[in-house]
Amino acid sequence: MSYQIKELLLPDGSKKRQQKDIDEALALWEDYKRRKARTTKGA
């Protein structure tokens, strides 16, 4: 069994931008998962 450790580093920002940063990070993560699934299917 293999394990993968993934980290998501978020920049230190202001409280005012915090939710926008979280939303952006989630969108990037979803995009990564979509691209990863697409390349895995073709492998």
PDB file of N, CA and C in Angstrom:
ATOM      1  N   MET A   1       0.852  -1.179   0.000  1.00  0.00           N
ATOM      2  CA  MET A   1       0.000   0.000   0.000  1.00  0.00           C
ATOM      3  C   MET A   1       0.894   1.237   0.000  1.00  0.00           C
ATOM      4  N   SER A   2       0.578   2.183  -0.842  1.00  0.00           N
ATOM      5  CA  SER A   2       1.382   3.408  -0.874  1.00  0.00           C
ATOM      6  C   SER A   2       0.553   4.587  -0.372  1.00  0.00           C
ATOM      7  N   TYR A   3       1.237   5.486   0.248  1.00  0.00           N
ATOM      8  CA  TYR A   3       0.595   6.674   0.789  1.00  0.00           C
ATOM      9  C   TYR A   3       1.219   7.905   0.158  1.00  0.00           C
ATOM     10  N   GLN A   4       0.415   8.923  -0.025  1.00  0.00           N
ATOM     11  CA  GLN A   4       0.917  10.191  -0.536  1.00  0.00           C
ATOM     12  C   GLN A   4       0.559  11.279   0.445  1.00  0.00           C
ATOM     13  N   ILE A   5       1.514  12.122   0.703  1.00  0.00           N
ATOM     14  CA  ILE A   5       1.269  13.270   1.569  1.00  0.00           C
ATOM     15  C   ILE A   5       1.205  14.501   0.682  1.00  0.00           C
ATOM     16  N   LYS A   6       0.135  15.244   0.845  1.00  0.00           N
ATOM     17  CA  LYS A   6      -0.036  16.462   0.058  1.00  0.00           C
ATOM     18  C   LYS A   6      -0.203  17.620   1.006  1.00  0.00           C
ATOM     19  N   GLU A   7       0.423  18.698   0.664  1.00  0.00           N
ATOM     20  CA  GLU A   7       0.312  19.898   1.480  1.00  0.00           C
ATOM     21  C   GLU A   7      -0.160  21.043   0.610  1.00  0.00           C
ATOM     22  N   LEU A   8      -0.934  21.872   1.207  1.00  0.00           N
ATOM     23  CA  LEU A   8      -1.388  23.078   0.538  1.00  0.00           C
ATOM     24  C   LEU A   8      -0.955  24.238   1.406  1.00  0.00           C
ATOM     25  N   LEU A   9      -0.042  25.024   0.884  1.00  0.00           N
ATOM     26  CA  LEU A   9       0.455  26.165   1.632  1.00  0.00           C
ATOM     27  C   LEU A   9      -0.274  27.414   1.182  1.00  0.00           C
ATOM     28  N   LEU A  10      -0.856  28.090   2.115  1.00  0.00           N
ATOM     29  CA  LEU A  10      -1.579  29.310   1.816  1.00  0.00           C
ATOM     30  C   LEU A  10      -0.762  30.505   2.291  1.00  0.00           C
ATOM     31  N   PRO A  11      -0.739  31.548   1.506  1.00  0.00           N
ATOM     32  CA  PRO A  11       0.004  32.730   1.932  1.00  0.00           C
ATOM     33  C   PRO A  11      -0.656  33.380   3.143  1.00  0.00           C
ATOM     34  N   ASP A  12       0.162  34.004   3.951  1.00  0.00           N
ATOM     35  CA  ASP A  12      -0.341  34.729   5.109  1.00  0.00           C
ATOM     36  C   ASP A  12      -0.984  36.015   4.604  1.00  0.00           C
ATOM     37  N   GLY A  13      -2.235  36.216   4.914  1.00  0.00           N
ATOM     38  CA  GLY A  13      -2.932  37.395   4.426  1.00  0.00           C
ATOM     39  C   GLY A  13      -3.783  38.015   5.520  1.00  0.00           C
ATOM     40  N   SER A  14      -4.511  38.996   5.121  1.00  0.00           N
ATOM     41  CA  SER A  14      -5.350  39.702   6.089  1.00  0.00           C
ATOM     42  C   SER A  14      -6.653  38.939   6.323  1.00  0.00           C
ATOM     43  N   LYS A  15      -7.295  39.224   7.434  1.00  0.00           N
ATOM     44  CA  LYS A  15      -8.592  38.622   7.740  1.00  0.00           C
ATOM     45  C   LYS A  15      -9.610  38.964   6.660  1.00  0.00           C
ATOM     46  N   LYS A  16      -9.481  40.158   6.115  1.00  0.00           N
ATOM     47  CA  LYS A  16     -10.414  40.630   5.090  1.00  0.00           C
ATOM     48  C   LYS A  16     -10.367  39.738   3.846  1.00  0.00           C
ATOM     49  N   ARG A  17      -9.193  39.244   3.502  1.00  0.00           N
ATOM     50  CA  ARG A  17      -9.019  38.407   2.303  1.00  0.00           C
ATOM     51  C   ARG A  17      -9.129  36.918   2.594  1.00  0.00           C
ATOM     52  N   GLN A  18      -9.267  36.535   3.836  1.00  0.00           N
ATOM     53  CA  GLN A  18      -9.191  35.131   4.210  1.00  0.00           C
ATOM     54  C   GLN A  18     -10.174  34.249   3.442  1.00  0.00           C
ATOM     55  N   GLN A  19     -11.441  34.615   3.386  1.00  0.00           N
ATOM     56  CA  GLN A  19     -12.423  33.772   2.695  1.00  0.00           C
ATOM     57  C   GLN A  19     -12.123  33.689   1.207  1.00  0.00           C
ATOM     58  N   LYS A  20     -11.702  34.783   0.599  1.00  0.00           N
ATOM     59  CA  LYS A  20     -11.353  34.760  -0.822  1.00  0.00           C
ATOM     60  C   LYS A  20     -10.169  33.816  -1.059  1.00  0.00           C
ATOM     61  N   ASP A  21      -9.179  33.853  -0.165  1.00  0.00           N
ATOM     62  CA  ASP A  21      -8.028  32.959  -0.289  1.00  0.00           C
ATOM     63  C   ASP A  21      -8.445  31.495  -0.151  1.00  0.00           C
ATOM     64  N   ILE A  22      -9.333  31.212   0.780  1.00  0.00           N
ATOM     65  CA  ILE A  22      -9.823  29.843   0.964  1.00  0.00           C
ATOM     66  C   ILE A  22     -10.583  29.377  -0.271  1.00  0.00           C
ATOM     67  N   ASP A  23     -11.453  30.229  -0.793  1.00  0.00           N
ATOM     68  CA  ASP A  23     -12.222  29.882  -1.994  1.00  0.00           C
ATOM     69  C   ASP A  23     -11.297  29.623  -3.182  1.00  0.00           C
ATOM     70  N   GLU A  24     -10.273  30.445  -3.325  1.00  0.00           N
ATOM     71  CA  GLU A  24      -9.316  30.278  -4.423  1.00  0.00           C
ATOM     72  C   GLU A  24      -8.540  28.968  -4.258  1.00  0.00           C
ATOM     73  N   ALA A  25      -8.129  28.669  -3.040  1.00  0.00           N
ATOM     74  CA  ALA A  25      -7.398  27.423  -2.787  1.00  0.00           C
ATOM     75  C   ALA A  25      -8.265  26.208  -3.106  1.00  0.00           C
ATOM     76  N   LEU A  26      -9.528  26.249  -2.725  1.00  0.00           N
ATOM     77  CA  LEU A  26     -10.437  25.140  -3.024  1.00  0.00           C
ATOM     78  C   LEU A  26     -10.644  24.980  -4.523  1.00  0.00           C
ATOM     79  N   ALA A  27     -10.766  26.087  -5.233  1.00  0.00           N
ATOM     80  CA  ALA A  27     -10.938  26.023  -6.689  1.00  0.00           C
ATOM     81  C   ALA A  27      -9.693  25.422  -7.344  1.00  0.00           C
ATOM     82  N   LEU A  28      -8.518  25.807  -6.881  1.00  0.00           N
ATOM     83  CA  LEU A  28      -7.278  25.254  -7.423  1.00  0.00           C
ATOM     84  C   LEU A  28      -7.178  23.760  -7.135  1.00  0.00           C
ATOM     85  N   TRP A  29      -7.604  23.346  -5.946  1.00  0.00           N
ATOM     86  CA  TRP A  29      -7.573  21.934  -5.569  1.00  0.00           C
ATOM     87  C   TRP A  29      -8.514  21.124  -6.456  1.00  0.00           C
ATOM     88  N   GLU A  30      -9.711  21.638  -6.693  1.00  0.00           N
ATOM     89  CA  GLU A  30     -10.671  20.947  -7.559  1.00  0.00           C
ATOM     90  C   GLU A  30     -10.125  20.834  -8.988  1.00  0.00           C
ATOM     91  N   ASP A  31      -9.501  21.901  -9.471  1.00  0.00           N
ATOM     92  CA  ASP A  31      -8.900  21.891 -10.803  1.00  0.00           C
ATOM     93  C   ASP A  31      -7.799  20.836 -10.878  1.00  0.00           C
ATOM     94  N   TYR A  32      -6.978  20.759  -9.854  1.00  0.00           N
ATOM     95  CA  TYR A  32      -5.907  19.764  -9.797  1.00  0.00           C
ATOM     96  C   TYR A  32      -6.491  18.346  -9.858  1.00  0.00           C
ATOM     97  N   LYS A  33      -7.532  18.102  -9.059  1.00  0.00           N
ATOM     98  CA  LYS A  33      -8.127  16.764  -9.033  1.00  0.00           C
ATOM     99  C   LYS A  33      -8.720  16.391 -10.392  1.00  0.00           C
ATOM    100  N   ARG A  34      -9.358  17.357 -11.081  1.00  0.00           N
ATOM    101  CA  ARG A  34      -9.919  17.095 -12.411  1.00  0.00           C
ATOM    102  C   ARG A  34      -8.812  16.734 -13.403  1.00  0.00           C
ATOM    103  N   ARG A  35      -7.719  17.519 -13.389  1.00  0.00           N
ATOM    104  CA  ARG A  35      -6.615  17.259 -14.311  1.00  0.00           C
ATOM    105  C   ARG A  35      -5.941  15.931 -13.988  1.00  0.00           C
ATOM    106  N   LYS A  36      -5.789  15.619 -12.718  1.00  0.00           N
ATOM    107  CA  LYS A  36      -5.163  14.376 -12.287  1.00  0.00           C
ATOM    108  C   LYS A  36      -6.013  13.181 -12.756  1.00  0.00           C
ATOM    109  N   ALA A  37      -7.328  13.268 -12.594  1.00  0.00           N
ATOM    110  CA  ALA A  37      -8.223  12.189 -13.015  1.00  0.00           C
ATOM    111  C   ALA A  37      -8.152  11.993 -14.526  1.00  0.00           C
ATOM    112  N   ARG A  38      -8.056  13.088 -15.253  1.00  0.00           N
ATOM    113  CA  ARG A  38      -7.992  13.005 -16.715  1.00  0.00           C
ATOM    114  C   ARG A  38      -6.702  12.306 -17.160  1.00  0.00           C
ATOM    115  N   THR A  39      -5.567  12.638 -16.525  1.00  0.00           N
ATOM    116  CA  THR A  39      -4.302  12.020 -16.914  1.00  0.00           C
ATOM    117  C   THR A  39      -4.221  10.578 -16.445  1.00  0.00           C
ATOM    118  N   THR A  40      -4.871  10.253 -15.335  1.00  0.00           N
ATOM    119  CA  THR A  40      -4.865   8.876 -14.825  1.00  0.00           C
ATOM    120  C   THR A  40      -5.674   7.972 -15.751  1.00  0.00           C
ATOM    121  N   LYS A  41      -6.778   8.459 -16.269  1.00  0.00           N
ATOM    122  CA  LYS A  41      -7.604   7.664 -17.181  1.00  0.00           C
ATOM    123  C   LYS A  41      -6.860   7.337 -18.456  1.00  0.00           C
ATOM    124  N   GLY A  42      -6.043   8.275 -18.922  1.00  0.00           N
ATOM    125  CA  GLY A  42      -5.301   8.065 -20.165  1.00  0.00           C
ATOM    126  C   GLY A  42      -4.047   7.249 -19.995  1.00  0.00           C
ATOM    127  N   ALA A  43      -3.678   6.915 -18.767  1.00  0.00           N
ATOM    128  CA  ALA A  43      -2.419   6.191 -18.513  1.00  0.00           C
ATOM    129  C   ALA A  43      -2.559   4.707 -18.725  1.00  0.00           C
TER     130      ALA A  43
END
